[in-house]
Amino acid sequence: MRDLSDMRFLTVAEVAEMMRVSNMTVYRMVHSGDLPAVRFGRSFRIPESAVVAAIETPISSVG
């Protein structure tokens, strides 16, 4: 496992911008389990590595 100090966490808005989708789409992906996230209070943080993996996943292997 990687050291937590090496991990970068992104906000829902940052992920939405990277993936070119709406914030609601990111929330749906988090709630469905398609995108792992950590909850801090009332907000979510998504590991950057998970976003990169989701972007690089071929569309044929999704769903």
PDB file of N, CA and C in Angstrom:
ATOM      1  N   MET A   1       0.836  -1.184   0.000  1.00  0.00           N
ATOM      2  CA  MET A   1       0.000   0.000   0.000  1.00  0.00           C
ATOM      3  C   MET A   1       0.882   1.248   0.000  1.00  0.00           C
ATOM      4  N   ARG A   2       0.443   2.252  -0.703  1.00  0.00           N
ATOM      5  CA  ARG A   2       1.203   3.489  -0.774  1.00  0.00           C
ATOM      6  C   ARG A   2       1.079   4.273   0.526  1.00  0.00           C
ATOM      7  N   ASP A   3       2.088   5.054   0.802  1.00  0.00           N
ATOM      8  CA  ASP A   3       2.068   5.934   1.956  1.00  0.00           C
ATOM      9  C   ASP A   3       1.021   7.021   1.721  1.00  0.00           C
ATOM     10  N   LEU A   4       0.216   7.320   2.743  1.00  0.00           N
ATOM     11  CA  LEU A   4      -0.827   8.324   2.587  1.00  0.00           C
ATOM     12  C   LEU A   4      -0.278   9.691   2.209  1.00  0.00           C
ATOM     13  N   SER A   5       0.941   9.984   2.607  1.00  0.00           N
ATOM     14  CA  SER A   5       1.522  11.283   2.253  1.00  0.00           C
ATOM     15  C   SER A   5       1.768  11.396   0.746  1.00  0.00           C
ATOM     16  N   ASP A   6       1.824  10.258   0.053  1.00  0.00           N
ATOM     17  CA  ASP A   6       2.011  10.262  -1.400  1.00  0.00           C
ATOM     18  C   ASP A   6       0.685  10.392  -2.145  1.00  0.00           C
ATOM     19  N   MET A   7      -0.422  10.161  -1.455  1.00  0.00           N
ATOM     20  CA  MET A   7      -1.723  10.174  -2.115  1.00  0.00           C
ATOM     21  C   MET A   7      -2.258  11.596  -2.223  1.00  0.00           C
ATOM     22  N   ARG A   8      -2.889  11.865  -3.338  1.00  0.00           N
ATOM     23  CA  ARG A   8      -3.516  13.167  -3.546  1.00  0.00           C
ATOM     24  C   ARG A   8      -5.011  12.947  -3.653  1.00  0.00           C
ATOM     25  N   PHE A   9      -5.774  13.707  -2.887  1.00  0.00           N
ATOM     26  CA  PHE A   9      -7.218  13.587  -2.905  1.00  0.00           C
ATOM     27  C   PHE A   9      -7.829  14.793  -3.612  1.00  0.00           C
ATOM     28  N   LEU A  10      -8.846  14.530  -4.413  1.00  0.00           N
ATOM     29  CA  LEU A  10      -9.498  15.577  -5.198  1.00  0.00           C
ATOM     30  C   LEU A  10     -10.929  15.782  -4.726  1.00  0.00           C
ATOM     31  N   THR A  11     -11.434  16.992  -4.907  1.00  0.00           N
ATOM     32  CA  THR A  11     -12.836  17.266  -4.583  1.00  0.00           C
ATOM     33  C   THR A  11     -13.718  16.757  -5.721  1.00  0.00           C
ATOM     34  N   VAL A  12     -15.008  16.685  -5.439  1.00  0.00           N
ATOM     35  CA  VAL A  12     -15.966  16.265  -6.466  1.00  0.00           C
ATOM     36  C   VAL A  12     -15.893  17.210  -7.663  1.00  0.00           C
ATOM     37  N   ALA A  13     -15.788  18.509  -7.402  1.00  0.00           N
ATOM     38  CA  ALA A  13     -15.722  19.491  -8.495  1.00  0.00           C
ATOM     39  C   ALA A  13     -14.469  19.289  -9.348  1.00  0.00           C
ATOM     40  N   GLU A  14     -13.334  18.996  -8.705  1.00  0.00           N
ATOM     41  CA  GLU A  14     -12.096  18.762  -9.451  1.00  0.00           C
ATOM     42  C   GLU A  14     -12.204  17.511 -10.318  1.00  0.00           C
ATOM     43  N   VAL A  15     -12.815  16.461  -9.762  1.00  0.00           N
ATOM     44  CA  VAL A  15     -12.995  15.222 -10.520  1.00  0.00           C
ATOM     45  C   VAL A  15     -13.926  15.462 -11.701  1.00  0.00           C
ATOM     46  N   ALA A  16     -15.009  16.181 -11.461  1.00  0.00           N
ATOM     47  CA  ALA A  16     -15.964  16.474 -12.535  1.00  0.00           C
ATOM     48  C   ALA A  16     -15.286  17.230 -13.676  1.00  0.00           C
ATOM     49  N   GLU A  17     -14.431  18.175 -13.322  1.00  0.00           N
ATOM     50  CA  GLU A  17     -13.717  18.941 -14.344  1.00  0.00           C
ATOM     51  C   GLU A  17     -12.750  18.054 -15.119  1.00  0.00           C
ATOM     52  N   MET A  18     -12.021  17.187 -14.413  1.00  0.00           N
ATOM     53  CA  MET A  18     -11.068  16.284 -15.080  1.00  0.00           C
ATOM     54  C   MET A  18     -11.772  15.335 -16.042  1.00  0.00           C
ATOM     55  N   MET A  19     -12.935  14.831 -15.603  1.00  0.00           N
ATOM     56  CA  MET A  19     -13.655  13.834 -16.401  1.00  0.00           C
ATOM     57  C   MET A  19     -14.634  14.469 -17.389  1.00  0.00           C
ATOM     58  N   ARG A  20     -14.774  15.794 -17.294  1.00  0.00           N
ATOM     59  CA  ARG A  20     -15.707  16.529 -18.148  1.00  0.00           C
ATOM     60  C   ARG A  20     -17.142  16.030 -18.000  1.00  0.00           C
ATOM     61  N   VAL A  21     -17.542  15.857 -16.743  1.00  0.00           N
ATOM     62  CA  VAL A  21     -18.923  15.470 -16.423  1.00  0.00           C
ATOM     63  C   VAL A  21     -19.432  16.417 -15.339  1.00  0.00           C
ATOM     64  N   SER A  22     -20.700  16.292 -14.984  1.00  0.00           N
ATOM     65  CA  SER A  22     -21.260  17.146 -13.939  1.00  0.00           C
ATOM     66  C   SER A  22     -20.889  16.624 -12.551  1.00  0.00           C
ATOM     67  N   ASN A  23     -21.018  17.492 -11.555  1.00  0.00           N
ATOM     68  CA  ASN A  23     -20.781  17.069 -10.173  1.00  0.00           C
ATOM     69  C   ASN A  23     -21.715  15.917  -9.813  1.00  0.00           C
ATOM     70  N   MET A  24     -22.966  15.980 -10.266  1.00  0.00           N
ATOM     71  CA  MET A  24     -23.939  14.938  -9.942  1.00  0.00           C
ATOM     72  C   MET A  24     -23.498  13.584 -10.486  1.00  0.00           C
ATOM     73  N   THR A  25     -22.887  13.560 -11.653  1.00  0.00           N
ATOM     74  CA  THR A  25     -22.385  12.305 -12.216  1.00  0.00           C
ATOM     75  C   THR A  25     -21.305  11.715 -11.318  1.00  0.00           C
ATOM     76  N   VAL A  26     -20.433  12.566 -10.795  1.00  0.00           N
ATOM     77  CA  VAL A  26     -19.382  12.090  -9.889  1.00  0.00           C
ATOM     78  C   VAL A  26     -20.014  11.533  -8.617  1.00  0.00           C
ATOM     79  N   TYR A  27     -21.003  12.247  -8.052  1.00  0.00           N
ATOM     80  CA  TYR A  27     -21.699  11.744  -6.857  1.00  0.00           C
ATOM     81  C   TYR A  27     -22.344  10.387  -7.137  1.00  0.00           C
ATOM     82  N   ARG A  28     -22.946  10.227  -8.309  1.00  0.00           N
ATOM     83  CA  ARG A  28     -23.567   8.932  -8.666  1.00  0.00           C
ATOM     84  C   ARG A  28     -22.518   7.830  -8.727  1.00  0.00           C
ATOM     85  N   MET A  29     -21.362   8.134  -9.309  1.00  0.00           N
ATOM     86  CA  MET A  29     -20.287   7.143  -9.406  1.00  0.00           C
ATOM     87  C   MET A  29     -19.779   6.754  -8.016  1.00  0.00           C
ATOM     88  N   VAL A  30     -19.689   7.730  -7.114  1.00  0.00           N
ATOM     89  CA  VAL A  30     -19.250   7.449  -5.742  1.00  0.00           C
ATOM     90  C   VAL A  30     -20.271   6.570  -5.035  1.00  0.00           C
ATOM     91  N   HIS A  31     -21.550   6.938  -5.130  1.00  0.00           N
ATOM     92  CA  HIS A  31     -22.596   6.188  -4.421  1.00  0.00           C
ATOM     93  C   HIS A  31     -22.806   4.789  -4.996  1.00  0.00           C
ATOM     94  N   SER A  32     -22.537   4.606  -6.289  1.00  0.00           N
ATOM     95  CA  SER A  32     -22.698   3.279  -6.899  1.00  0.00           C
ATOM     96  C   SER A  32     -21.484   2.389  -6.663  1.00  0.00           C
ATOM     97  N   GLY A  33     -20.395   2.985  -6.167  1.00  0.00           N
ATOM     98  CA  GLY A  33     -19.190   2.212  -5.921  1.00  0.00           C
ATOM     99  C   GLY A  33     -18.244   2.172  -7.107  1.00  0.00           C
ATOM    100  N   ASP A  34     -18.577   2.869  -8.191  1.00  0.00           N
ATOM    101  CA  ASP A  34     -17.703   2.898  -9.369  1.00  0.00           C
ATOM    102  C   ASP A  34     -16.450   3.725  -9.125  1.00  0.00           C
ATOM    103  N   LEU A  35     -16.529   4.642  -8.157  1.00  0.00           N
ATOM    104  CA  LEU A  35     -15.402   5.506  -7.835  1.00  0.00           C
ATOM    105  C   LEU A  35     -15.241   5.520  -6.317  1.00  0.00           C
ATOM    106  N   PRO A  36     -14.110   5.052  -5.808  1.00  0.00           N
ATOM    107  CA  PRO A  36     -13.919   5.047  -4.357  1.00  0.00           C
ATOM    108  C   PRO A  36     -13.764   6.471  -3.841  1.00  0.00           C
ATOM    109  N   ALA A  37     -14.240   6.717  -2.626  1.00  0.00           N
ATOM    110  CA  ALA A  37     -14.137   8.057  -2.042  1.00  0.00           C
ATOM    111  C   ALA A  37     -14.070   7.955  -0.526  1.00  0.00           C
ATOM    112  N   VAL A  38     -13.530   8.994   0.065  1.00  0.00           N
ATOM    113  CA  VAL A  38     -13.459   9.109   1.518  1.00  0.00           C
ATOM    114  C   VAL A  38     -14.343  10.282   1.892  1.00  0.00           C
ATOM    115  N   ARG A  39     -15.138  10.106   2.931  1.00  0.00           N
ATOM    116  CA  ARG A  39     -16.021  11.183   3.349  1.00  0.00           C
ATOM    117  C   ARG A  39     -15.356  11.991   4.465  1.00  0.00           C
ATOM    118  N   PHE A  40     -15.294  13.293   4.270  1.00  0.00           N
ATOM    119  CA  PHE A  40     -14.794  14.221   5.280  1.00  0.00           C
ATOM    120  C   PHE A  40     -15.938  15.148   5.627  1.00  0.00           C
ATOM    121  N   GLY A  41     -16.549  14.929   6.784  1.00  0.00           N
ATOM    122  CA  GLY A  41     -17.711  15.748   7.142  1.00  0.00           C
ATOM    123  C   GLY A  41     -18.826  15.525   6.144  1.00  0.00           C
ATOM    124  N   ARG A  42     -19.229  16.592   5.488  1.00  0.00           N
ATOM    125  CA  ARG A  42     -20.309  16.484   4.507  1.00  0.00           C
ATOM    126  C   ARG A  42     -19.809  16.386   3.073  1.00  0.00           C
ATOM    127  N   SER A  43     -18.494  16.364   2.880  1.00  0.00           N
ATOM    128  CA  SER A  43     -17.964  16.325   1.519  1.00  0.00           C
ATOM    129  C   SER A  43     -17.172  15.039   1.275  1.00  0.00           C
ATOM    130  N   PHE A  44     -16.972  14.745   0.015  1.00  0.00           N
ATOM    131  CA  PHE A  44     -16.211  13.569  -0.390  1.00  0.00           C
ATOM    132  C   PHE A  44     -14.877  13.997  -0.976  1.00  0.00           C
ATOM    133  N   ARG A  45     -13.876  13.146  -0.809  1.00  0.00           N
ATOM    134  CA  ARG A  45     -12.584  13.311  -1.471  1.00  0.00           C
ATOM    135  C   ARG A  45     -12.289  12.009  -2.191  1.00  0.00           C
ATOM    136  N   ILE A  46     -11.859  12.137  -3.425  1.00  0.00           N
ATOM    137  CA  ILE A  46     -11.611  10.970  -4.262  1.00  0.00           C
ATOM    138  C   ILE A  46     -10.112  10.884  -4.537  1.00  0.00           C
ATOM    139  N   PRO A  47      -9.508   9.701  -4.328  1.00  0.00           N
ATOM    140  CA  PRO A  47      -8.073   9.565  -4.620  1.00  0.00           C
ATOM    141  C   PRO A  47      -7.804   9.822  -6.104  1.00  0.00           C
ATOM    142  N   GLU A  48      -6.797  10.626  -6.382  1.00  0.00           N
ATOM    143  CA  GLU A  48      -6.461  10.952  -7.772  1.00  0.00           C
ATOM    144  C   GLU A  48      -6.165   9.692  -8.574  1.00  0.00           C
ATOM    145  N   SER A  49      -5.533   8.705  -7.951  1.00  0.00           N
ATOM    146  CA  SER A  49      -5.198   7.460  -8.652  1.00  0.00           C
ATOM    147  C   SER A  49      -6.465   6.744  -9.142  1.00  0.00           C
ATOM    148  N   ALA A  50      -7.558   6.832  -8.368  1.00  0.00           N
ATOM    149  CA  ALA A  50      -8.819   6.200  -8.774  1.00  0.00           C
ATOM    150  C   ALA A  50      -9.429   6.922  -9.974  1.00  0.00           C
ATOM    151  N   VAL A  51      -9.273   8.239 -10.015  1.00  0.00           N
ATOM    152  CA  VAL A  51      -9.796   9.016 -11.143  1.00  0.00           C
ATOM    153  C   VAL A  51      -9.018   8.675 -12.410  1.00  0.00           C
ATOM    154  N   VAL A  52      -7.701   8.602 -12.294  1.00  0.00           N
ATOM    155  CA  VAL A  52      -6.864   8.255 -13.445  1.00  0.00           C
ATOM    156  C   VAL A  52      -7.227   6.862 -13.956  1.00  0.00           C
ATOM    157  N   ALA A  53      -7.417   5.917 -13.028  1.00  0.00           N
ATOM    158  CA  ALA A  53      -7.792   4.552 -13.420  1.00  0.00           C
ATOM    159  C   ALA A  53      -9.145   4.540 -14.123  1.00  0.00           C
ATOM    160  N   ALA A  54     -10.100   5.327 -13.624  1.00  0.00           N
ATOM    161  CA  ALA A  54     -11.436   5.370 -14.239  1.00  0.00           C
ATOM    162  C   ALA A  54     -11.371   5.960 -15.640  1.00  0.00           C
ATOM    163  N   ILE A  55     -10.545   6.982 -15.818  1.00  0.00           N
ATOM    164  CA  ILE A  55     -10.415   7.618 -17.126  1.00  0.00           C
ATOM    165  C   ILE A  55      -9.746   6.675 -18.125  1.00  0.00           C
ATOM    166  N   GLU A  56      -8.784   5.891 -17.637  1.00  0.00           N
ATOM    167  CA  GLU A  56      -8.033   4.999 -18.526  1.00  0.00           C
ATOM    168  C   GLU A  56      -8.737   3.688 -18.821  1.00  0.00           C
ATOM    169  N   THR A  57      -9.831   3.385 -18.108  1.00  0.00           N
ATOM    170  CA  THR A  57     -10.549   2.132 -18.308  1.00  0.00           C
ATOM    171  C   THR A  57     -11.282   2.182 -19.650  1.00  0.00           C
ATOM    172  N   PRO A  58     -11.061   1.194 -20.512  1.00  0.00           N
ATOM    173  CA  PRO A  58     -11.771   1.176 -21.807  1.00  0.00           C
ATOM    174  C   PRO A  58     -13.280   1.123 -21.568  1.00  0.00           C
ATOM    175  N   ILE A  59     -14.018   1.822 -22.412  1.00  0.00           N
ATOM    176  CA  ILE A  59     -15.463   1.927 -22.218  1.00  0.00           C
ATOM    177  C   ILE A  59     -16.162   0.576 -22.343  1.00  0.00           C
ATOM    178  N   SER A  60     -15.590  -0.354 -23.095  1.00  0.00           N
ATOM    179  CA  SER A  60     -16.217  -1.666 -23.266  1.00  0.00           C
ATOM    180  C   SER A  60     -16.224  -2.479 -21.981  1.00  0.00           C
ATOM    181  N   SER A  61     -15.317  -2.166 -21.028  1.00  0.00           N
ATOM    182  CA  SER A  61     -15.270  -2.945 -19.801  1.00  0.00           C
ATOM    183  C   SER A  61     -16.090  -2.315 -18.669  1.00  0.00           C
ATOM    184  N   VAL A  62     -16.763  -1.211 -18.959  1.00  0.00           N
ATOM    185  CA  VAL A  62     -17.590  -0.538 -17.954  1.00  0.00           C
ATOM    186  C   VAL A  62     -19.010  -1.059 -18.061  1.00  0.00           C
ATOM    187  N   GLY A  63     -19.589  -1.381 -16.889  1.00  0.00           N
ATOM    188  CA  GLY A  63     -20.985  -1.788 -16.802  1.00  0.00           C
ATOM    189  C   GLY A  63     -21.271  -3.001 -17.585  1.00  0.00           C
TER     190      GLY A  63
END
